[in-house]
Amino acid sequence: TAVYYCAARRSGVGYYTDDGHYDYWGQGTQVT
């Protein structure tokens, strides 16, 4: 249970696990 957010990073060739690496964020959607 949480608010789930989508995020996008504009550069890089792999994946990123630190939220500080992302440039854009959605508004979130609640999952209960």
PDB file of all heavy atoms in Angstrom:
ATOM      1  N   THR A   1       0.829  -1.196   0.000  1.00  0.00           N
ATOM      2  CA  THR A   1       0.000   0.000   0.000  1.00  0.00           C
ATOM      3  C   THR A   1       0.869   1.253   0.000  1.00  0.00           C
ATOM      4  O   THR A   1       1.739   1.416   0.857  1.00  0.00           O
ATOM      5  CB  THR A   1      -0.930   0.006   1.213  1.00  0.00           C
ATOM      6  OG1 THR A   1      -1.836  -1.094   1.124  1.00  0.00           O
ATOM      7  CG2 THR A   1      -1.724   1.298   1.289  1.00  0.00           C
ATOM      8  N   ALA A   2       0.644   2.140  -0.964  1.00  0.00           N
ATOM      9  CA  ALA A   2       1.439   3.355  -1.101  1.00  0.00           C
ATOM     10  C   ALA A   2       0.916   4.165  -2.279  1.00  0.00           C
ATOM     11  O   ALA A   2       0.076   3.694  -3.050  1.00  0.00           O
ATOM     12  CB  ALA A   2       2.921   3.023  -1.327  1.00  0.00           C
ATOM     13  N   VAL A   3       1.427   5.381  -2.413  1.00  0.00           N
ATOM     14  CA  VAL A   3       1.262   6.140  -3.638  1.00  0.00           C
ATOM     15  C   VAL A   3       2.418   5.764  -4.552  1.00  0.00           C
ATOM     16  O   VAL A   3       3.581   5.835  -4.151  1.00  0.00           O
ATOM     17  CB  VAL A   3       1.243   7.657  -3.391  1.00  0.00           C
ATOM     18  CG1 VAL A   3       1.159   8.412  -4.714  1.00  0.00           C
ATOM     19  CG2 VAL A   3       0.083   8.029  -2.488  1.00  0.00           C
ATOM     20  N   TYR A   4       2.100   5.366  -5.764  1.00  0.00           N
ATOM     21  CA  TYR A   4       3.105   4.934  -6.720  1.00  0.00           C
ATOM     22  C   TYR A   4       3.358   6.040  -7.734  1.00  0.00           C
ATOM     23  O   TYR A   4       2.422   6.606  -8.304  1.00  0.00           O
ATOM     24  CB  TYR A   4       2.654   3.654  -7.426  1.00  0.00           C
ATOM     25  CG  TYR A   4       2.810   2.428  -6.565  1.00  0.00           C
ATOM     26  CD1 TYR A   4       1.979   2.228  -5.461  1.00  0.00           C
ATOM     27  CD2 TYR A   4       3.796   1.481  -6.833  1.00  0.00           C
ATOM     28  CE1 TYR A   4       2.133   1.117  -4.647  1.00  0.00           C
ATOM     29  CE2 TYR A   4       3.948   0.371  -6.024  1.00  0.00           C
ATOM     30  CZ  TYR A   4       3.120   0.187  -4.934  1.00  0.00           C
ATOM     31  OH  TYR A   4       3.272  -0.914  -4.136  1.00  0.00           O
ATOM     32  N   TYR A   5       4.641   6.339  -7.965  1.00  0.00           N
ATOM     33  CA  TYR A   5       5.056   7.402  -8.867  1.00  0.00           C
ATOM     34  C   TYR A   5       5.882   6.854 -10.020  1.00  0.00           C
ATOM     35  O   TYR A   5       6.731   5.989  -9.826  1.00  0.00           O
ATOM     36  CB  TYR A   5       5.912   8.437  -8.130  1.00  0.00           C
ATOM     37  CG  TYR A   5       5.189   9.186  -7.042  1.00  0.00           C
ATOM     38  CD1 TYR A   5       5.202   8.731  -5.732  1.00  0.00           C
ATOM     39  CD2 TYR A   5       4.503  10.367  -7.328  1.00  0.00           C
ATOM     40  CE1 TYR A   5       4.548   9.414  -4.725  1.00  0.00           C
ATOM     41  CE2 TYR A   5       3.848  11.060  -6.326  1.00  0.00           C
ATOM     42  CZ  TYR A   5       3.873  10.586  -5.027  1.00  0.00           C
ATOM     43  OH  TYR A   5       3.228  11.277  -4.033  1.00  0.00           O
ATOM     44  N   CYS A   6       5.656   7.399 -11.191  1.00  0.00           N
ATOM     45  CA  CYS A   6       6.456   7.125 -12.367  1.00  0.00           C
ATOM     46  C   CYS A   6       7.481   8.243 -12.532  1.00  0.00           C
ATOM     47  O   CYS A   6       7.181   9.410 -12.266  1.00  0.00           O
ATOM     48  CB  CYS A   6       5.547   7.040 -13.597  1.00  0.00           C
ATOM     49  SG  CYS A   6       6.388   6.793 -15.165  1.00  0.00           S
ATOM     50  N   ALA A   7       8.696   7.902 -12.964  1.00  0.00           N
ATOM     51  CA  ALA A   7       9.747   8.890 -13.140  1.00  0.00           C
ATOM     52  C   ALA A   7      10.535   8.606 -14.412  1.00  0.00           C
ATOM     53  O   ALA A   7      10.643   7.454 -14.845  1.00  0.00           O
ATOM     54  CB  ALA A   7      10.685   8.893 -11.933  1.00  0.00           C
ATOM     55  N   ALA A   8      11.106   9.660 -15.003  1.00  0.00           N
ATOM     56  CA  ALA A   8      11.885   9.551 -16.235  1.00  0.00           C
ATOM     57  C   ALA A   8      13.201  10.293 -16.096  1.00  0.00           C
ATOM     58  O   ALA A   8      13.251  11.377 -15.518  1.00  0.00           O
ATOM     59  CB  ALA A   8      11.095  10.103 -17.417  1.00  0.00           C
ATOM     60  N   ARG A   9      14.257   9.699 -16.645  1.00  0.00           N
ATOM     61  CA  ARG A   9      15.570  10.335 -16.703  1.00  0.00           C
ATOM     62  C   ARG A   9      15.914  10.598 -18.163  1.00  0.00           C
ATOM     63  O   ARG A   9      15.795   9.688 -18.995  1.00  0.00           O
ATOM     64  CB  ARG A   9      16.638   9.454 -16.060  1.00  0.00           C
ATOM     65  CG  ARG A   9      18.048  10.031 -16.118  1.00  0.00           C
ATOM     66  CD  ARG A   9      19.069   9.140 -15.432  1.00  0.00           C
ATOM     67  NE  ARG A   9      20.429   9.561 -15.711  1.00  0.00           N
ATOM     68  CZ  ARG A   9      21.091  10.475 -15.004  1.00  0.00           C
ATOM     69  NH1 ARG A   9      20.524  11.057 -13.952  1.00  0.00           N
ATOM     70  NH2 ARG A   9      22.334  10.811 -15.345  1.00  0.00           N
ATOM     71  N   ARG A  10      16.375  11.814 -18.472  1.00  0.00           N
ATOM     72  CA  ARG A  10      16.553  12.227 -19.860  1.00  0.00           C
ATOM     73  C   ARG A  10      17.835  11.729 -20.506  1.00  0.00           C
ATOM     74  O   ARG A  10      17.988  11.834 -21.713  1.00  0.00           O
ATOM     75  CB  ARG A  10      16.491  13.752 -19.966  1.00  0.00           C
ATOM     76  CG  ARG A  10      17.570  14.477 -19.181  1.00  0.00           C
ATOM     77  CD  ARG A  10      17.297  15.965 -19.131  1.00  0.00           C
ATOM     78  NE  ARG A  10      18.252  16.662 -18.286  1.00  0.00           N
ATOM     79  CZ  ARG A  10      18.148  17.925 -17.927  1.00  0.00           C
ATOM     80  NH1 ARG A  10      17.107  18.633 -18.342  1.00  0.00           N
ATOM     81  NH2 ARG A  10      19.071  18.474 -17.157  1.00  0.00           N
ATOM     82  N   SER A  11      18.757  11.222 -19.745  1.00  0.00           N
ATOM     83  CA  SER A  11      20.000  10.708 -20.305  1.00  0.00           C
ATOM     84  C   SER A  11      20.441   9.479 -19.533  1.00  0.00           C
ATOM     85  O   SER A  11      19.953   9.200 -18.435  1.00  0.00           O
ATOM     86  CB  SER A  11      21.089  11.775 -20.297  1.00  0.00           C
ATOM     87  OG  SER A  11      21.422  12.154 -18.972  1.00  0.00           O
ATOM     88  N   GLY A  12      21.382   8.748 -20.120  1.00  0.00           N
ATOM     89  CA  GLY A  12      21.880   7.534 -19.511  1.00  0.00           C
ATOM     90  C   GLY A  12      21.566   6.331 -20.372  1.00  0.00           C
ATOM     91  O   GLY A  12      20.658   6.369 -21.212  1.00  0.00           O
ATOM     92  N   VAL A  13      22.325   5.262 -20.155  1.00  0.00           N
ATOM     93  CA  VAL A  13      22.184   4.078 -20.995  1.00  0.00           C
ATOM     94  C   VAL A  13      21.655   2.868 -20.246  1.00  0.00           C
ATOM     95  O   VAL A  13      21.342   1.856 -20.859  1.00  0.00           O
ATOM     96  CB  VAL A  13      23.524   3.718 -21.663  1.00  0.00           C
ATOM     97  CG1 VAL A  13      23.973   4.837 -22.578  1.00  0.00           C
ATOM     98  CG2 VAL A  13      24.587   3.424 -20.615  1.00  0.00           C
ATOM     99  N   GLY A  14      21.529   2.964 -18.927  1.00  0.00           N
ATOM    100  CA  GLY A  14      21.058   1.842 -18.136  1.00  0.00           C
ATOM    101  C   GLY A  14      19.793   2.180 -17.377  1.00  0.00           C
ATOM    102  O   GLY A  14      18.944   2.932 -17.869  1.00  0.00           O
ATOM    103  N   TYR A  15      19.650   1.611 -16.174  1.00  0.00           N
ATOM    104  CA  TYR A  15      18.552   1.958 -15.290  1.00  0.00           C
ATOM    105  C   TYR A  15      19.106   2.641 -14.048  1.00  0.00           C
ATOM    106  O   TYR A  15      20.301   2.565 -13.764  1.00  0.00           O
ATOM    107  CB  TYR A  15      17.727   0.717 -14.914  1.00  0.00           C
ATOM    108  CG  TYR A  15      18.513  -0.391 -14.239  1.00  0.00           C
ATOM    109  CD1 TYR A  15      18.922  -0.280 -12.913  1.00  0.00           C
ATOM    110  CD2 TYR A  15      18.814  -1.560 -14.930  1.00  0.00           C
ATOM    111  CE1 TYR A  15      19.637  -1.295 -12.296  1.00  0.00           C
ATOM    112  CE2 TYR A  15      19.523  -2.584 -14.315  1.00  0.00           C
ATOM    113  CZ  TYR A  15      19.934  -2.441 -12.997  1.00  0.00           C
ATOM    114  OH  TYR A  15      20.638  -3.453 -12.384  1.00  0.00           O
ATOM    115  N   TYR A  16      18.231   3.314 -13.299  1.00  0.00           N
ATOM    116  CA  TYR A  16      18.648   4.102 -12.150  1.00  0.00           C
ATOM    117  C   TYR A  16      17.721   3.821 -10.983  1.00  0.00           C
ATOM    118  O   TYR A  16      16.498   3.771 -11.149  1.00  0.00           O
ATOM    119  CB  TYR A  16      18.654   5.588 -12.498  1.00  0.00           C
ATOM    120  CG  TYR A  16      19.595   5.899 -13.635  1.00  0.00           C
ATOM    121  CD1 TYR A  16      19.174   5.786 -14.958  1.00  0.00           C
ATOM    122  CD2 TYR A  16      20.910   6.263 -13.392  1.00  0.00           C
ATOM    123  CE1 TYR A  16      20.046   6.031 -16.005  1.00  0.00           C
ATOM    124  CE2 TYR A  16      21.787   6.516 -14.436  1.00  0.00           C
ATOM    125  CZ  TYR A  16      21.356   6.398 -15.733  1.00  0.00           C
ATOM    126  OH  TYR A  16      22.215   6.643 -16.770  1.00  0.00           O
ATOM    127  N   THR A  17      18.297   3.625  -9.803  1.00  0.00           N
ATOM    128  CA  THR A  17      17.523   3.271  -8.620  1.00  0.00           C
ATOM    129  C   THR A  17      17.447   4.394  -7.593  1.00  0.00           C
ATOM    130  O   THR A  17      16.704   4.269  -6.620  1.00  0.00           O
ATOM    131  CB  THR A  17      18.108   2.021  -7.960  1.00  0.00           C
ATOM    132  OG1 THR A  17      19.470   2.261  -7.576  1.00  0.00           O
ATOM    133  CG2 THR A  17      18.076   0.838  -8.932  1.00  0.00           C
ATOM    134  N   ASP A  18      18.185   5.472  -7.775  1.00  0.00           N
ATOM    135  CA  ASP A  18      18.173   6.623  -6.878  1.00  0.00           C
ATOM    136  C   ASP A  18      17.202   7.662  -7.425  1.00  0.00           C
ATOM    137  O   ASP A  18      17.317   8.066  -8.587  1.00  0.00           O
ATOM    138  CB  ASP A  18      19.582   7.202  -6.766  1.00  0.00           C
ATOM    139  CG  ASP A  18      19.705   8.283  -5.718  1.00  0.00           C
ATOM    140  OD1 ASP A  18      18.687   8.900  -5.350  1.00  0.00           O
ATOM    141  OD2 ASP A  18      20.840   8.540  -5.264  1.00  0.00           O
ATOM    142  N   ASP A  19      16.249   8.108  -6.602  1.00  0.00           N
ATOM    143  CA  ASP A  19      15.275   9.082  -7.079  1.00  0.00           C
ATOM    144  C   ASP A  19      15.912  10.399  -7.495  1.00  0.00           C
ATOM    145  O   ASP A  19      15.341  11.123  -8.320  1.00  0.00           O
ATOM    146  CB  ASP A  19      14.170   9.319  -6.046  1.00  0.00           C
ATOM    147  CG  ASP A  19      14.690   9.817  -4.701  1.00  0.00           C
ATOM    148  OD1 ASP A  19      15.909   9.967  -4.531  1.00  0.00           O
ATOM    149  OD2 ASP A  19      13.847  10.044  -3.804  1.00  0.00           O
ATOM    150  N   GLY A  20      17.113  10.707  -6.976  1.00  0.00           N
ATOM    151  CA  GLY A  20      17.810  11.919  -7.356  1.00  0.00           C
ATOM    152  C   GLY A  20      18.311  11.924  -8.782  1.00  0.00           C
ATOM    153  O   GLY A  20      18.695  12.975  -9.302  1.00  0.00           O
ATOM    154  N   HIS A  21      18.318  10.781  -9.424  1.00  0.00           N
ATOM    155  CA  HIS A  21      18.779  10.682 -10.806  1.00  0.00           C
ATOM    156  C   HIS A  21      17.693  10.987 -11.830  1.00  0.00           C
ATOM    157  O   HIS A  21      17.983  11.044 -13.018  1.00  0.00           O
ATOM    158  CB  HIS A  21      19.336   9.285 -11.081  1.00  0.00           C
ATOM    159  CG  HIS A  21      20.655   9.024 -10.420  1.00  0.00           C
ATOM    160  ND1 HIS A  21      21.088   7.761 -10.095  1.00  0.00           N
ATOM    161  CD2 HIS A  21      21.641   9.861 -10.039  1.00  0.00           C
ATOM    162  CE1 HIS A  21      22.271   7.825  -9.530  1.00  0.00           C
ATOM    163  NE2 HIS A  21      22.636   9.091  -9.482  1.00  0.00           N
ATOM    164  N   TYR A  22      16.463  11.172 -11.391  1.00  0.00           N
ATOM    165  CA  TYR A  22      15.346  11.356 -12.315  1.00  0.00           C
ATOM    166  C   TYR A  22      14.984  12.825 -12.482  1.00  0.00           C
ATOM    167  O   TYR A  22      15.059  13.618 -11.534  1.00  0.00           O
ATOM    168  CB  TYR A  22      14.136  10.539 -11.855  1.00  0.00           C
ATOM    169  CG  TYR A  22      14.343   9.065 -12.086  1.00  0.00           C
ATOM    170  CD1 TYR A  22      14.966   8.276 -11.128  1.00  0.00           C
ATOM    171  CD2 TYR A  22      13.937   8.470 -13.273  1.00  0.00           C
ATOM    172  CE1 TYR A  22      15.189   6.926 -11.352  1.00  0.00           C
ATOM    173  CE2 TYR A  22      14.154   7.119 -13.500  1.00  0.00           C
ATOM    174  CZ  TYR A  22      14.782   6.354 -12.535  1.00  0.00           C
ATOM    175  OH  TYR A  22      14.994   5.010 -12.765  1.00  0.00           O
ATOM    176  N   ASP A  23      14.571  13.188 -13.699  1.00  0.00           N
ATOM    177  CA  ASP A  23      14.293  14.572 -14.067  1.00  0.00           C
ATOM    178  C   ASP A  23      12.812  14.921 -14.056  1.00  0.00           C
ATOM    179  O   ASP A  23      12.446  16.069 -13.817  1.00  0.00           O
ATOM    180  CB  ASP A  23      14.854  14.863 -15.461  1.00  0.00           C
ATOM    181  CG  ASP A  23      16.345  14.625 -15.549  1.00  0.00           C
ATOM    182  OD1 ASP A  23      17.099  15.328 -14.845  1.00  0.00           O
ATOM    183  OD2 ASP A  23      16.769  13.730 -16.322  1.00  0.00           O
ATOM    184  N   TYR A  24      11.942  13.952 -14.338  1.00  0.00           N
ATOM    185  CA  TYR A  24      10.513  14.203 -14.462  1.00  0.00           C
ATOM    186  C   TYR A  24       9.733  13.200 -13.632  1.00  0.00           C
ATOM    187  O   TYR A  24      10.098  12.028 -13.554  1.00  0.00           O
ATOM    188  CB  TYR A  24      10.075  14.113 -15.932  1.00  0.00           C
ATOM    189  CG  TYR A  24      10.886  14.986 -16.853  1.00  0.00           C
ATOM    190  CD1 TYR A  24      11.867  14.443 -17.670  1.00  0.00           C
ATOM    191  CD2 TYR A  24      10.679  16.364 -16.902  1.00  0.00           C
ATOM    192  CE1 TYR A  24      12.623  15.240 -18.508  1.00  0.00           C
ATOM    193  CE2 TYR A  24      11.434  17.167 -17.738  1.00  0.00           C
ATOM    194  CZ  TYR A  24      12.404  16.605 -18.533  1.00  0.00           C
ATOM    195  OH  TYR A  24      13.151  17.407 -19.367  1.00  0.00           O
ATOM    196  N   TRP A  25       8.628  13.662 -13.042  1.00  0.00           N
ATOM    197  CA  TRP A  25       7.803  12.841 -12.166  1.00  0.00           C
ATOM    198  C   TRP A  25       6.333  13.003 -12.475  1.00  0.00           C
ATOM    199  O   TRP A  25       5.878  14.091 -12.829  1.00  0.00           O
ATOM    200  CB  TRP A  25       8.038  13.220 -10.701  1.00  0.00           C
ATOM    201  CG  TRP A  25       9.410  12.886 -10.221  1.00  0.00           C
ATOM    202  CD1 TRP A  25      10.543  13.638 -10.365  1.00  0.00           C
ATOM    203  CD2 TRP A  25       9.798  11.699  -9.518  1.00  0.00           C
ATOM    204  NE1 TRP A  25      11.614  12.985  -9.790  1.00  0.00           N
ATOM    205  CE2 TRP A  25      11.189  11.805  -9.265  1.00  0.00           C
ATOM    206  CE3 TRP A  25       9.114  10.575  -9.074  1.00  0.00           C
ATOM    207  CZ2 TRP A  25      11.891  10.810  -8.592  1.00  0.00           C
ATOM    208  CZ3 TRP A  25       9.818   9.596  -8.402  1.00  0.00           C
ATOM    209  CH2 TRP A  25      11.188   9.718  -8.169  1.00  0.00           C
ATOM    210  N   GLY A  26       5.587  11.916 -12.337  1.00  0.00           N
ATOM    211  CA  GLY A  26       4.150  11.978 -12.447  1.00  0.00           C
ATOM    212  C   GLY A  26       3.519  12.419 -11.142  1.00  0.00           C
ATOM    213  O   GLY A  26       4.203  12.665 -10.143  1.00  0.00           O
ATOM    214  N   GLN A  27       2.192  12.517 -11.133  1.00  0.00           N
ATOM    215  CA  GLN A  27       1.466  13.006  -9.961  1.00  0.00           C
ATOM    216  C   GLN A  27       1.215  11.920  -8.919  1.00  0.00           C
ATOM    217  O   GLN A  27       0.850  12.233  -7.784  1.00  0.00           O
ATOM    218  CB  GLN A  27       0.134  13.631 -10.392  1.00  0.00           C
ATOM    219  CG  GLN A  27      -1.024  12.655 -10.593  1.00  0.00           C
ATOM    220  CD  GLN A  27      -0.877  11.766 -11.821  1.00  0.00           C
ATOM    221  OE1 GLN A  27      -0.036  11.985 -12.680  1.00  0.00           O
ATOM    222  NE2 GLN A  27      -1.725  10.737 -11.906  1.00  0.00           N
ATOM    223  N   GLY A  28       1.385  10.669  -9.295  1.00  0.00           N
ATOM    224  CA  GLY A  28       1.179   9.559  -8.387  1.00  0.00           C
ATOM    225  C   GLY A  28      -0.205   8.954  -8.499  1.00  0.00           C
ATOM    226  O   GLY A  28      -1.173   9.623  -8.856  1.00  0.00           O
ATOM    227  N   THR A  29      -0.299   7.665  -8.182  1.00  0.00           N
ATOM    228  CA  THR A  29      -1.576   6.965  -8.146  1.00  0.00           C
ATOM    229  C   THR A  29      -1.609   6.080  -6.906  1.00  0.00           C
ATOM    230  O   THR A  29      -0.632   5.405  -6.585  1.00  0.00           O
ATOM    231  CB  THR A  29      -1.804   6.143  -9.435  1.00  0.00           C
ATOM    232  OG1 THR A  29      -3.112   5.569  -9.419  1.00  0.00           O
ATOM    233  CG2 THR A  29      -0.765   5.042  -9.593  1.00  0.00           C
ATOM    234  N   GLN A  30      -2.725   6.097  -6.184  1.00  0.00           N
ATOM    235  CA  GLN A  30      -2.842   5.384  -4.918  1.00  0.00           C
ATOM    236  C   GLN A  30      -3.132   3.910  -5.147  1.00  0.00           C
ATOM    237  O   GLN A  30      -4.032   3.549  -5.915  1.00  0.00           O
ATOM    238  CB  GLN A  30      -3.961   5.989  -4.064  1.00  0.00           C
ATOM    239  CG  GLN A  30      -4.219   5.257  -2.752  1.00  0.00           C
ATOM    240  CD  GLN A  30      -3.111   5.457  -1.747  1.00  0.00           C
ATOM    241  OE1 GLN A  30      -2.663   6.591  -1.538  1.00  0.00           O
ATOM    242  NE2 GLN A  30      -2.656   4.375  -1.129  1.00  0.00           N
ATOM    243  N   VAL A  31      -2.374   3.065  -4.461  1.00  0.00           N
ATOM    244  CA  VAL A  31      -2.623   1.626  -4.431  1.00  0.00           C
ATOM    245  C   VAL A  31      -2.873   1.231  -2.981  1.00  0.00           C
ATOM    246  O   VAL A  31      -2.041   1.498  -2.110  1.00  0.00           O
ATOM    247  CB  VAL A  31      -1.440   0.826  -5.003  1.00  0.00           C
ATOM    248  CG1 VAL A  31      -1.641  -0.675  -4.778  1.00  0.00           C
ATOM    249  CG2 VAL A  31      -1.265   1.126  -6.482  1.00  0.00           C
ATOM    250  N   THR A  32      -4.011   0.609  -2.726  1.00  0.00           N
ATOM    251  CA  THR A  32      -4.360   0.162  -1.378  1.00  0.00           C
ATOM    252  C   THR A  32      -4.662  -1.328  -1.416  1.00  0.00           C
ATOM    253  O   THR A  32      -5.515  -1.771  -2.189  1.00  0.00           O
ATOM    254  CB  THR A  32      -5.568   0.927  -0.834  1.00  0.00           C
ATOM    255  OG1 THR A  32      -5.292   2.330  -0.829  1.00  0.00           O
ATOM    256  CG2 THR A  32      -5.889   0.479   0.587  1.00  0.00           C
TER     257      THR A  32
END
